[in-house]
Structure formats: C-alpha cells, structure tokens
N, C-alpha and C. Protein backbone atom coordinates (compact mmCIF):
# COMPACT_ATOMS: atom_id res chain seq x y z
N MET A 1 -33.81 -8.26 5.60
CA MET A 1 -32.52 -7.97 4.95
C MET A 1 -32.44 -6.56 5.14
N SER A 2 -30.90 -6.09 5.07
CA SER A 2 -30.56 -4.86 5.18
C SER A 2 -30.87 -4.26 3.94
N LYS A 3 -31.22 -2.69 4.33
CA LYS A 3 -31.77 -1.97 3.02
C LYS A 3 -30.63 -1.92 1.80
N GLN A 4 -29.32 -1.98 2.24
CA GLN A 4 -28.31 -1.84 1.08
C GLN A 4 -28.34 -2.90 0.08
N HIS A 5 -28.91 -4.08 0.55
CA HIS A 5 -28.61 -5.43 -0.10
C HIS A 5 -30.04 -5.86 -0.63
N ASN A 6 -31.06 -5.15 -1.32
CA ASN A 6 -32.21 -5.53 -1.68
C ASN A 6 -32.07 -6.59 -2.78
N SER A 7 -30.85 -6.79 -3.30
CA SER A 7 -30.71 -7.67 -4.51
C SER A 7 -30.45 -8.99 -3.87
N ARG A 8 -31.45 -9.72 -3.29
CA ARG A 8 -31.27 -10.95 -2.68
C ARG A 8 -30.91 -12.05 -3.68
N GLY A 9 -29.64 -12.79 -3.16
CA GLY A 9 -29.45 -13.91 -3.83
C GLY A 9 -28.20 -13.64 -4.81
N ARG A 10 -27.80 -12.45 -5.15
CA ARG A 10 -26.74 -12.03 -6.04
C ARG A 10 -25.40 -11.87 -5.25
N ARG A 11 -24.34 -12.37 -6.10
CA ARG A 11 -22.91 -12.41 -5.54
C ARG A 11 -22.61 -10.89 -5.41
N ASN A 12 -21.86 -10.48 -4.53
CA ASN A 12 -21.31 -9.12 -4.45
C ASN A 12 -20.01 -9.30 -5.29
N LYS A 13 -19.83 -8.83 -6.50
CA LYS A 13 -18.81 -8.95 -7.34
C LYS A 13 -17.43 -8.41 -6.90
N LYS A 14 -17.55 -7.21 -6.25
CA LYS A 14 -16.32 -6.57 -5.77
C LYS A 14 -15.49 -7.27 -4.90
N ASP A 15 -16.08 -7.87 -3.96
CA ASP A 15 -15.36 -8.49 -2.98
C ASP A 15 -15.82 -9.89 -2.88
N ASP A 16 -16.60 -10.54 -3.71
CA ASP A 16 -16.95 -12.00 -3.97
C ASP A 16 -17.45 -12.52 -2.63
N VAL A 17 -18.46 -11.96 -2.11
CA VAL A 17 -18.99 -12.68 -0.92
C VAL A 17 -20.16 -13.37 -1.30
N ILE A 18 -20.39 -14.44 -0.70
CA ILE A 18 -21.70 -15.35 -0.98
C ILE A 18 -22.60 -15.02 0.25
N MET A 19 -23.63 -14.66 0.09
CA MET A 19 -24.64 -14.05 1.02
C MET A 19 -26.24 -14.47 0.66
N ASN A 20 -26.89 -14.76 1.61
CA ASN A 20 -28.37 -14.85 1.55
C ASN A 20 -28.83 -15.95 0.60
N ASP A 21 -29.54 -15.82 -0.38
CA ASP A 21 -30.11 -16.83 -1.40
C ASP A 21 -29.02 -17.51 -2.22
N SER A 22 -27.87 -16.87 -2.20
CA SER A 22 -26.59 -17.42 -3.08
C SER A 22 -26.06 -18.64 -2.29
N ILE A 23 -26.26 -18.76 -1.08
CA ILE A 23 -25.57 -19.81 -0.39
C ILE A 23 -26.36 -21.22 -0.61
N ARG A 24 -25.61 -22.09 -1.32
CA ARG A 24 -26.09 -23.37 -1.85
C ARG A 24 -26.24 -24.53 -0.91
N ALA A 25 -25.27 -24.40 0.21
CA ALA A 25 -25.32 -25.55 1.08
C ALA A 25 -26.57 -25.87 1.76
N THR A 26 -26.84 -27.09 2.06
CA THR A 26 -28.18 -27.30 2.70
C THR A 26 -28.28 -27.23 4.21
N GLU A 27 -27.02 -27.51 4.80
CA GLU A 27 -26.74 -27.26 6.37
C GLU A 27 -25.58 -26.40 6.51
N LEU A 28 -25.84 -25.44 7.63
CA LEU A 28 -24.88 -24.50 7.81
C LEU A 28 -24.73 -24.45 9.39
N ARG A 29 -23.60 -24.07 9.85
CA ARG A 29 -23.23 -23.98 11.22
C ARG A 29 -23.33 -22.27 11.24
N VAL A 30 -24.31 -21.77 11.96
CA VAL A 30 -24.69 -20.47 12.21
C VAL A 30 -24.26 -19.76 13.13
N LEU A 31 -23.58 -18.59 13.02
CA LEU A 31 -23.23 -17.58 14.24
C LEU A 31 -24.10 -16.51 13.98
N GLY A 32 -24.42 -15.96 15.37
CA GLY A 32 -25.25 -14.76 15.38
C GLY A 32 -24.37 -13.62 15.39
N ASP A 33 -24.97 -12.38 15.11
CA ASP A 33 -24.27 -11.20 15.12
C ASP A 33 -23.62 -10.91 16.51
N ASP A 34 -24.24 -11.37 17.61
CA ASP A 34 -23.75 -10.90 18.99
C ASP A 34 -22.87 -11.85 19.52
N GLY A 35 -22.46 -13.10 18.66
CA GLY A 35 -21.67 -14.14 19.35
C GLY A 35 -22.23 -15.24 19.63
N GLU A 36 -23.60 -15.35 19.64
CA GLU A 36 -24.34 -16.54 20.00
C GLU A 36 -24.18 -17.77 19.00
N GLN A 37 -24.19 -18.65 19.21
CA GLN A 37 -24.20 -20.02 18.06
C GLN A 37 -25.50 -20.59 18.24
N PHE A 38 -25.97 -20.76 16.76
CA PHE A 38 -27.06 -21.32 16.74
C PHE A 38 -26.96 -23.07 16.47
N GLY A 39 -25.84 -23.08 16.04
CA GLY A 39 -25.37 -24.84 15.72
C GLY A 39 -25.63 -24.96 14.29
N ILE A 40 -25.66 -26.27 13.89
CA ILE A 40 -25.83 -26.66 12.61
C ILE A 40 -27.35 -26.81 12.37
N ILE A 41 -27.78 -25.73 11.35
CA ILE A 41 -29.26 -26.03 11.00
C ILE A 41 -29.43 -25.82 9.54
N ALA A 42 -30.68 -26.00 9.14
CA ALA A 42 -30.96 -26.06 7.63
C ALA A 42 -30.83 -24.62 7.15
N ARG A 43 -30.27 -24.47 5.69
CA ARG A 43 -30.13 -23.08 5.19
C ARG A 43 -31.46 -22.44 5.28
N ALA A 44 -32.51 -22.98 5.04
CA ALA A 44 -33.99 -22.08 5.29
C ALA A 44 -34.17 -21.55 6.55
N ASP A 45 -34.03 -22.27 7.48
CA ASP A 45 -34.15 -21.98 9.04
C ASP A 45 -32.93 -20.69 9.10
N ALA A 46 -31.79 -20.80 8.72
CA ALA A 46 -30.67 -19.80 8.93
C ALA A 46 -31.25 -18.41 8.13
N LEU A 47 -31.86 -18.66 6.97
CA LEU A 47 -32.32 -17.38 6.34
C LEU A 47 -33.48 -16.79 7.01
N GLN A 48 -34.14 -17.78 7.70
CA GLN A 48 -35.34 -17.08 8.40
C GLN A 48 -35.00 -16.25 9.77
N ILE A 49 -33.86 -16.70 10.28
CA ILE A 49 -33.20 -16.11 11.52
C ILE A 49 -32.88 -14.82 11.16
N ALA A 50 -32.12 -14.60 9.99
CA ALA A 50 -31.49 -13.54 9.42
C ALA A 50 -32.65 -12.55 9.15
N GLU A 51 -33.59 -12.90 8.37
CA GLU A 51 -34.70 -12.06 7.88
C GLU A 51 -35.41 -11.70 9.20
N ASP A 52 -35.78 -12.34 10.19
CA ASP A 52 -36.36 -12.04 11.51
C ASP A 52 -35.65 -10.92 12.22
N LYS A 53 -34.31 -10.84 11.99
CA LYS A 53 -33.38 -9.95 12.55
C LYS A 53 -33.19 -8.78 11.78
N GLY A 54 -33.65 -8.95 10.56
CA GLY A 54 -33.57 -7.85 9.57
C GLY A 54 -31.99 -7.60 9.11
N LEU A 55 -31.34 -8.62 9.10
CA LEU A 55 -29.81 -8.85 8.86
C LEU A 55 -29.62 -9.91 7.59
N ASP A 56 -28.30 -9.69 7.34
CA ASP A 56 -28.08 -10.74 6.06
C ASP A 56 -27.44 -11.93 6.61
N LEU A 57 -27.28 -12.98 5.95
CA LEU A 57 -26.75 -14.26 6.14
C LEU A 57 -25.62 -14.22 5.41
N VAL A 58 -24.40 -14.19 5.85
CA VAL A 58 -23.12 -14.11 5.08
C VAL A 58 -22.32 -15.29 5.18
N LEU A 59 -21.80 -16.06 4.21
CA LEU A 59 -20.93 -17.09 4.35
C LEU A 59 -19.60 -16.80 4.73
N VAL A 60 -19.29 -17.16 5.97
CA VAL A 60 -17.80 -16.80 6.41
C VAL A 60 -16.70 -17.91 5.92
N SER A 61 -16.97 -19.16 6.04
CA SER A 61 -16.10 -20.12 5.67
C SER A 61 -16.68 -21.20 4.85
N PRO A 62 -16.74 -21.02 3.45
CA PRO A 62 -17.36 -21.65 2.68
C PRO A 62 -16.72 -23.31 2.57
N ASP A 63 -15.47 -23.34 2.78
CA ASP A 63 -14.83 -24.60 2.71
C ASP A 63 -14.91 -25.64 4.04
N ALA A 64 -15.45 -25.13 4.99
CA ALA A 64 -15.45 -25.91 6.39
C ALA A 64 -16.67 -26.93 6.13
N LYS A 65 -16.57 -28.06 6.85
CA LYS A 65 -17.54 -29.00 6.87
C LYS A 65 -18.43 -29.18 8.25
N PRO A 66 -19.71 -28.69 8.21
CA PRO A 66 -20.46 -27.79 7.38
C PRO A 66 -19.98 -26.44 7.18
N PRO A 67 -20.32 -25.79 5.95
CA PRO A 67 -20.02 -24.33 6.00
C PRO A 67 -20.43 -23.39 7.05
N VAL A 68 -19.64 -22.47 7.45
CA VAL A 68 -20.00 -21.58 8.40
C VAL A 68 -20.51 -20.17 7.91
N ALA A 69 -21.93 -19.68 8.46
CA ALA A 69 -22.30 -18.59 7.95
C ALA A 69 -22.53 -17.75 9.30
N LYS A 70 -22.61 -16.40 9.13
CA LYS A 70 -22.90 -15.60 10.20
C LYS A 70 -24.10 -14.65 9.78
N VAL A 71 -24.82 -14.28 10.80
CA VAL A 71 -25.97 -13.40 10.67
C VAL A 71 -25.36 -12.13 10.94
N MET A 72 -25.44 -11.11 10.02
CA MET A 72 -24.75 -9.76 10.28
C MET A 72 -25.35 -8.67 9.33
N ASP A 73 -25.20 -7.45 9.70
CA ASP A 73 -25.57 -6.36 8.99
C ASP A 73 -24.28 -6.20 8.08
N TYR A 74 -24.44 -6.81 6.82
CA TYR A 74 -23.39 -6.77 5.86
C TYR A 74 -22.80 -5.38 5.39
N GLY A 75 -23.89 -4.53 5.41
CA GLY A 75 -23.49 -2.97 4.90
C GLY A 75 -22.76 -2.58 5.82
N LYS A 76 -23.04 -2.54 7.32
CA LYS A 76 -22.22 -2.20 8.44
C LYS A 76 -20.78 -2.85 8.33
N HIS A 77 -20.73 -3.99 8.20
CA HIS A 77 -19.58 -4.71 8.30
C HIS A 77 -18.53 -4.33 7.11
N LYS A 78 -19.00 -3.98 5.95
CA LYS A 78 -18.35 -3.52 4.70
C LYS A 78 -17.63 -2.15 5.02
N TYR A 79 -18.82 -1.38 5.92
CA TYR A 79 -18.36 0.06 6.31
C TYR A 79 -17.11 0.22 7.13
N GLU A 80 -17.35 -0.87 8.13
CA GLU A 80 -16.39 -1.06 9.33
C GLU A 80 -14.87 -1.15 8.70
N ILE A 81 -14.78 -2.15 7.62
CA ILE A 81 -13.51 -2.56 6.99
C ILE A 81 -13.05 -1.41 6.20
N GLU A 82 -14.00 -0.78 5.39
CA GLU A 82 -13.37 0.39 4.68
C GLU A 82 -12.80 1.49 5.55
N LYS A 83 -13.42 1.71 6.92
CA LYS A 83 -12.88 2.69 7.78
C LYS A 83 -11.67 2.23 8.31
N LYS A 84 -11.28 0.87 8.60
CA LYS A 84 -10.00 0.49 9.07
C LYS A 84 -8.98 0.70 8.09
N LYS A 85 -9.45 0.44 6.57
CA LYS A 85 -8.58 0.76 5.67
C LYS A 85 -8.12 1.92 5.55
N LYS A 86 -8.84 3.05 5.61
CA LYS A 86 -8.71 4.43 5.41
C LYS A 86 -7.76 4.64 6.75
N GLU A 87 -8.07 4.39 7.82
CA GLU A 87 -7.29 4.67 9.00
C GLU A 87 -5.85 4.24 8.88
N ALA A 88 -5.60 2.84 8.23
CA ALA A 88 -4.25 2.28 8.25
C ALA A 88 -3.57 3.16 7.00
N LYS A 89 -4.31 3.73 6.10
CA LYS A 89 -3.46 4.40 4.92
C LYS A 89 -3.38 5.77 5.60
N LYS A 90 -3.92 6.39 6.29
CA LYS A 90 -3.79 7.73 6.86
C LYS A 90 -2.49 7.54 7.78
N ASN A 91 -2.26 6.52 8.46
CA ASN A 91 -1.13 6.40 9.29
C ASN A 91 0.24 5.89 8.58
N GLN A 92 0.08 5.62 7.29
CA GLN A 92 1.26 5.42 6.45
C GLN A 92 2.13 6.59 6.34
N LYS A 93 3.44 6.43 6.41
CA LYS A 93 4.50 7.52 6.06
C LYS A 93 4.69 7.25 4.62
N LYS A 94 4.40 8.47 4.11
CA LYS A 94 4.89 8.66 2.53
C LYS A 94 6.17 9.15 2.37
N ILE A 95 6.99 8.37 1.61
CA ILE A 95 8.28 8.77 1.23
C ILE A 95 8.39 9.81 0.12
N GLU A 96 9.07 10.97 0.37
CA GLU A 96 9.12 11.89 -0.73
C GLU A 96 10.58 11.88 -1.36
N VAL A 97 10.72 11.69 -2.53
CA VAL A 97 12.02 11.59 -3.09
C VAL A 97 12.19 12.75 -3.95
N LYS A 98 13.39 13.54 -3.60
CA LYS A 98 13.70 14.80 -4.27
C LYS A 98 14.91 14.35 -5.28
N GLU A 99 14.97 15.00 -6.48
CA GLU A 99 16.14 14.61 -7.43
C GLU A 99 16.77 16.01 -7.62
N VAL A 100 18.20 15.64 -7.62
CA VAL A 100 19.13 16.78 -7.56
C VAL A 100 20.00 16.16 -8.96
N LYS A 101 19.97 17.10 -10.08
CA LYS A 101 20.51 16.75 -11.34
C LYS A 101 21.91 17.50 -11.62
N PHE A 102 22.94 16.84 -11.91
CA PHE A 102 24.41 17.36 -12.12
C PHE A 102 24.70 16.96 -13.58
N SER A 103 25.64 17.91 -14.12
CA SER A 103 26.31 17.16 -15.36
C SER A 103 27.84 16.87 -15.22
N CYS A 104 28.38 16.50 -16.02
CA CYS A 104 29.88 15.94 -16.06
C CYS A 104 30.83 17.11 -16.08
N LYS A 105 30.41 18.23 -16.58
CA LYS A 105 31.35 19.41 -16.74
C LYS A 105 30.72 20.38 -15.73
N ILE A 106 30.38 20.08 -14.59
CA ILE A 106 29.77 21.19 -13.63
C ILE A 106 30.97 21.76 -12.87
N ALA A 107 30.74 23.04 -12.51
CA ALA A 107 31.84 23.78 -11.84
C ALA A 107 31.56 23.60 -10.30
N ASP A 108 32.76 23.99 -9.47
CA ASP A 108 32.53 23.59 -8.01
C ASP A 108 31.53 24.51 -7.40
N ASN A 109 31.50 25.64 -7.75
CA ASN A 109 30.45 26.62 -7.19
C ASN A 109 29.10 25.95 -7.43
N ASP A 110 28.83 25.55 -8.58
CA ASP A 110 27.55 24.81 -8.86
C ASP A 110 27.08 23.71 -8.24
N ILE A 111 28.25 22.78 -7.85
CA ILE A 111 28.16 21.52 -7.20
C ILE A 111 27.75 22.02 -5.54
N ASN A 112 28.51 22.95 -5.07
CA ASN A 112 28.18 23.44 -3.65
C ASN A 112 26.70 24.07 -3.60
N TYR A 113 26.25 24.70 -4.69
CA TYR A 113 24.89 25.17 -4.69
C TYR A 113 23.74 24.07 -4.65
N LYS A 114 24.21 22.96 -5.59
CA LYS A 114 23.22 21.89 -5.61
C LYS A 114 23.28 21.01 -4.37
N VAL A 115 24.46 21.03 -3.74
CA VAL A 115 24.52 20.07 -2.66
C VAL A 115 23.93 20.73 -1.24
N LYS A 116 23.98 21.94 -1.53
CA LYS A 116 23.06 22.89 -0.38
C LYS A 116 21.54 22.44 -0.56
N HIS A 117 21.16 22.38 -1.57
CA HIS A 117 19.61 22.09 -1.53
C HIS A 117 19.47 20.45 -1.21
N ALA A 118 20.46 19.62 -1.58
CA ALA A 118 20.16 18.23 -1.51
C ALA A 118 20.19 18.33 0.25
N ARG A 119 21.18 18.95 1.04
CA ARG A 119 21.14 18.76 2.42
C ARG A 119 19.92 19.34 3.01
N GLU A 120 19.45 20.55 2.40
CA GLU A 120 18.14 20.91 3.03
C GLU A 120 16.96 19.86 2.83
N PHE A 121 16.97 19.05 1.78
CA PHE A 121 16.04 18.14 1.65
C PHE A 121 16.12 16.85 2.73
N LEU A 122 17.43 16.43 2.83
CA LEU A 122 17.69 15.37 3.83
C LEU A 122 17.35 15.79 5.18
N GLU A 123 17.65 17.18 5.55
CA GLU A 123 17.46 17.65 6.94
C GLU A 123 15.81 17.67 7.10
N LYS A 124 15.13 17.83 5.99
CA LYS A 124 13.50 17.88 6.16
C LYS A 124 13.06 16.32 6.10
N GLY A 125 14.08 15.34 6.07
CA GLY A 125 13.38 13.98 6.05
C GLY A 125 13.15 13.38 4.75
N LYS A 126 13.44 13.95 3.58
CA LYS A 126 13.21 13.52 2.32
C LYS A 126 14.40 12.78 1.94
N HIS A 127 14.11 11.77 0.86
CA HIS A 127 15.20 10.93 0.36
C HIS A 127 15.49 11.80 -1.05
N VAL A 128 16.98 11.57 -1.14
CA VAL A 128 17.35 12.53 -2.21
C VAL A 128 17.95 11.42 -3.40
N LYS A 129 17.74 11.62 -4.63
CA LYS A 129 18.27 10.95 -5.76
C LYS A 129 19.28 11.91 -6.44
N LEU A 130 20.48 11.59 -6.42
CA LEU A 130 21.52 12.40 -7.28
C LEU A 130 21.82 11.83 -8.62
N ARG A 131 21.52 12.49 -9.51
CA ARG A 131 21.62 12.21 -10.99
C ARG A 131 22.69 13.08 -11.88
N VAL A 132 23.48 12.33 -12.58
CA VAL A 132 24.38 13.01 -13.60
C VAL A 132 23.90 12.61 -15.02
N PHE A 133 23.53 13.58 -15.78
CA PHE A 133 22.95 13.00 -17.04
C PHE A 133 24.19 13.01 -18.06
N LEU A 134 24.46 11.95 -18.81
CA LEU A 134 25.55 11.95 -19.64
C LEU A 134 25.01 12.34 -21.38
N ARG A 135 25.69 13.33 -21.62
CA ARG A 135 25.26 13.89 -23.23
C ARG A 135 26.09 13.18 -24.17
N GLY A 136 25.73 12.97 -25.29
CA GLY A 136 26.50 12.65 -26.49
C GLY A 136 27.78 11.74 -25.99
N ARG A 137 29.03 12.18 -26.18
CA ARG A 137 30.02 11.40 -26.05
C ARG A 137 30.44 11.04 -24.58
N GLU A 138 29.85 11.79 -23.77
CA GLU A 138 29.97 11.47 -22.40
C GLU A 138 29.57 10.10 -21.91
N MET A 139 28.75 9.57 -22.83
CA MET A 139 28.31 8.07 -22.70
C MET A 139 29.42 7.10 -22.69
N ALA A 140 30.45 7.52 -23.53
CA ALA A 140 31.71 6.59 -23.87
C ALA A 140 32.55 6.62 -22.39
N ASN A 141 32.38 7.85 -21.66
CA ASN A 141 33.11 7.56 -20.36
C ASN A 141 32.03 7.99 -19.16
N PRO A 142 31.38 6.97 -18.78
CA PRO A 142 30.42 6.98 -17.49
C PRO A 142 31.09 7.36 -16.36
N GLU A 143 32.51 6.91 -16.34
CA GLU A 143 33.16 7.13 -14.92
C GLU A 143 33.27 8.61 -14.69
N LEU A 144 33.30 9.67 -15.78
CA LEU A 144 33.22 10.95 -15.26
C LEU A 144 31.94 11.42 -14.42
N GLY A 145 30.81 10.91 -14.75
CA GLY A 145 29.67 11.03 -13.96
C GLY A 145 29.82 10.26 -12.53
N VAL A 146 30.52 9.11 -12.46
CA VAL A 146 30.63 8.60 -11.12
C VAL A 146 31.66 9.49 -10.34
N GLU A 147 32.59 10.18 -10.98
CA GLU A 147 33.47 11.06 -10.12
C GLU A 147 32.90 12.23 -9.76
N VAL A 148 31.83 12.56 -10.53
CA VAL A 148 31.03 13.86 -9.77
C VAL A 148 30.55 13.50 -8.65
N LEU A 149 29.64 12.38 -8.69
CA LEU A 149 28.85 11.90 -7.45
C LEU A 149 29.80 11.64 -6.42
N LYS A 150 31.08 11.07 -6.65
CA LYS A 150 32.09 10.72 -5.64
C LYS A 150 32.62 12.11 -4.92
N ARG A 151 32.42 13.13 -5.74
CA ARG A 151 32.97 14.54 -5.17
C ARG A 151 31.73 15.05 -4.30
N VAL A 152 30.52 14.70 -4.68
CA VAL A 152 29.23 15.13 -3.89
C VAL A 152 28.95 14.48 -2.50
N TRP A 153 29.27 13.18 -2.54
CA TRP A 153 28.77 12.17 -1.47
C TRP A 153 29.65 12.73 -0.13
N PRO A 154 31.01 13.26 -0.05
CA PRO A 154 31.50 13.68 1.06
C PRO A 154 30.92 14.66 1.85
N MET A 155 30.14 15.73 0.90
CA MET A 155 29.55 16.78 1.42
C MET A 155 28.27 16.59 2.11
N LEU A 156 27.62 15.20 1.80
CA LEU A 156 26.37 14.88 2.26
C LEU A 156 26.37 13.65 3.55
N GLU A 157 27.54 13.17 3.56
CA GLU A 157 27.69 12.11 4.39
C GLU A 157 27.22 12.40 6.03
N ASP A 158 27.36 13.60 6.57
CA ASP A 158 27.06 13.93 7.76
C ASP A 158 25.47 14.00 7.94
N VAL A 159 24.74 14.22 6.97
CA VAL A 159 23.23 14.41 7.11
C VAL A 159 22.58 13.10 6.33
N GLY A 160 23.30 12.26 5.76
CA GLY A 160 22.50 11.28 4.96
C GLY A 160 23.29 9.91 5.02
N ASN A 161 22.57 8.79 4.60
CA ASN A 161 23.17 7.41 4.52
C ASN A 161 23.07 7.00 3.03
N LEU A 162 24.12 6.48 2.51
CA LEU A 162 24.27 6.06 1.31
C LEU A 162 23.59 4.86 0.92
N GLU A 163 22.37 5.10 0.21
CA GLU A 163 21.47 3.76 0.19
C GLU A 163 21.83 2.98 -1.02
N LYS A 164 22.10 3.66 -2.29
CA LYS A 164 22.70 3.08 -3.38
C LYS A 164 23.82 3.77 -3.93
N ASP A 165 24.94 3.04 -4.08
CA ASP A 165 26.19 3.66 -4.55
C ASP A 165 26.00 4.15 -6.05
N ALA A 166 26.90 4.94 -6.64
CA ALA A 166 26.65 5.54 -7.98
C ALA A 166 26.63 4.25 -8.93
N HIS A 167 25.61 4.29 -9.78
CA HIS A 167 25.33 3.11 -10.88
C HIS A 167 24.81 3.82 -12.02
N GLN A 168 24.94 2.94 -13.32
CA GLN A 168 24.47 3.66 -14.42
C GLN A 168 23.25 3.03 -14.72
N GLU A 169 22.12 3.88 -15.23
CA GLU A 169 21.01 3.48 -15.55
C GLU A 169 20.53 4.37 -16.99
N GLY A 170 20.87 3.67 -18.17
CA GLY A 170 20.69 4.30 -19.30
C GLY A 170 21.66 5.55 -19.68
N ARG A 171 21.03 6.73 -19.65
CA ARG A 171 21.94 7.89 -19.78
C ARG A 171 22.21 8.50 -18.47
N TYR A 172 21.71 8.06 -17.43
CA TYR A 172 22.06 8.73 -16.01
C TYR A 172 22.97 7.70 -15.26
N ILE A 173 23.75 8.51 -14.26
CA ILE A 173 24.54 7.84 -13.18
C ILE A 173 23.78 8.24 -12.06
N ASN A 174 23.16 7.14 -11.24
CA ASN A 174 22.32 7.73 -10.27
C ASN A 174 23.06 7.30 -8.80
N MET A 175 22.62 8.18 -7.83
CA MET A 175 23.13 7.62 -6.30
C MET A 175 21.91 8.03 -5.45
N TYR A 176 21.47 7.05 -4.57
CA TYR A 176 20.28 7.26 -3.79
C TYR A 176 20.92 7.51 -2.37
N VAL A 177 20.47 8.61 -1.68
CA VAL A 177 20.89 9.07 -0.47
C VAL A 177 19.52 9.12 0.52
N THR A 178 19.52 8.53 1.71
CA THR A 178 18.38 8.60 2.64
C THR A 178 18.87 9.58 3.90
N PRO A 179 18.00 10.04 4.46
CA PRO A 179 18.27 10.77 5.56
C PRO A 179 18.68 10.14 6.83
N LEU A 180 19.62 10.69 7.69
CA LEU A 180 20.05 9.73 8.94
C LEU A 180 18.76 9.56 9.95
N LYS A 181 18.72 8.43 10.56
CA LYS A 181 17.68 8.27 11.45
C LYS A 181 17.97 9.06 12.71
N LYS A 182 16.99 9.77 13.37
CA LYS A 182 17.21 10.63 14.62
C LYS A 182 16.86 9.71 15.85
C-alpha cells in the first residue's frame, strides 16, 4: 500500500473515494496503473495484485456491472488532480471592479475629476461601477441620480461598454461599465 494511506479500509471523507478494504464487491473488473487489464477477478486477488505492486486498489466506477477498480498510487493521483486545479486557477482572469461615487448635487468640475479616474480604470482593463448615493429627501426623486449618471455616460462611451444602465438598488443608483474589447 502507498505510504500516505496506511489506514486500510477507511473511506476518504474529503473526496469520498472507496479504496482497498472498503470495496465490498466480490468480483471486480481490474485495470492496471500502466493501462493493462486484469479482467474480472475476485476482490481478494485484486487486493493482492495492488499490494504486490505497493499501490492502492481504487474503485473507479462503483455502479458498473461488475464494478471497475484501478490499481494506482492514490496519493500521486490526488496530487496530480490538485496540481491541475491550481494550474487552472492560476490561468483564470480575475475581474477587478472599481467603484466611483457621485452625489445628486455634484458640480461639473467634480464630475470631470471623477470621470477622469473612471476612464483610467477602464483603460487599465478594470470594470467600473458608477454609483449615486441618495441622501434623505433625494430618495423621493431618484431620477436626479439617474440624470447625473446620464451626464457621466457620454464622457465614458469611447472607452467603455454600458453593461447595466442606471437602475436603483436601495439608496444607490448604479451603472455598470466594462472596458472596450481590444
């Protein structure tokens, strides 16, 4: 048996793999670690083959008739799977969302200043969430917040795509802009 699994007969709870003495079927179709096929043999013989090779007997397809088991180094197999997962995660592109906040009573020069930052974010490939916070009585007139975002959008449309148009979420009017595809 492999050194990592000296607990013969126990199920691996994390990924629920049935191996070695946990296998209850009396006959198994057994595959070797190098692709050779042993055919349909008794469980005791399959366990003996695995033990002679110093490997584990892992149930691959328990629902098949007869169940299919493979002689393999389970620790190495698990390591390979983890390595592939890490590689896939590393190759994923992480989307960063930057938030730019406005108010209903914002001056034009303040809008220009904040739009300049939003443009920089979009040019760097980041997604931008434009938000207008509605204070107190401004909640009665959310269209004021929508108007602010409608003034901002023409300043950004040459560097971004409008993903979500201005819409209200609680006390905020939000607009979501993504960078243009290059």
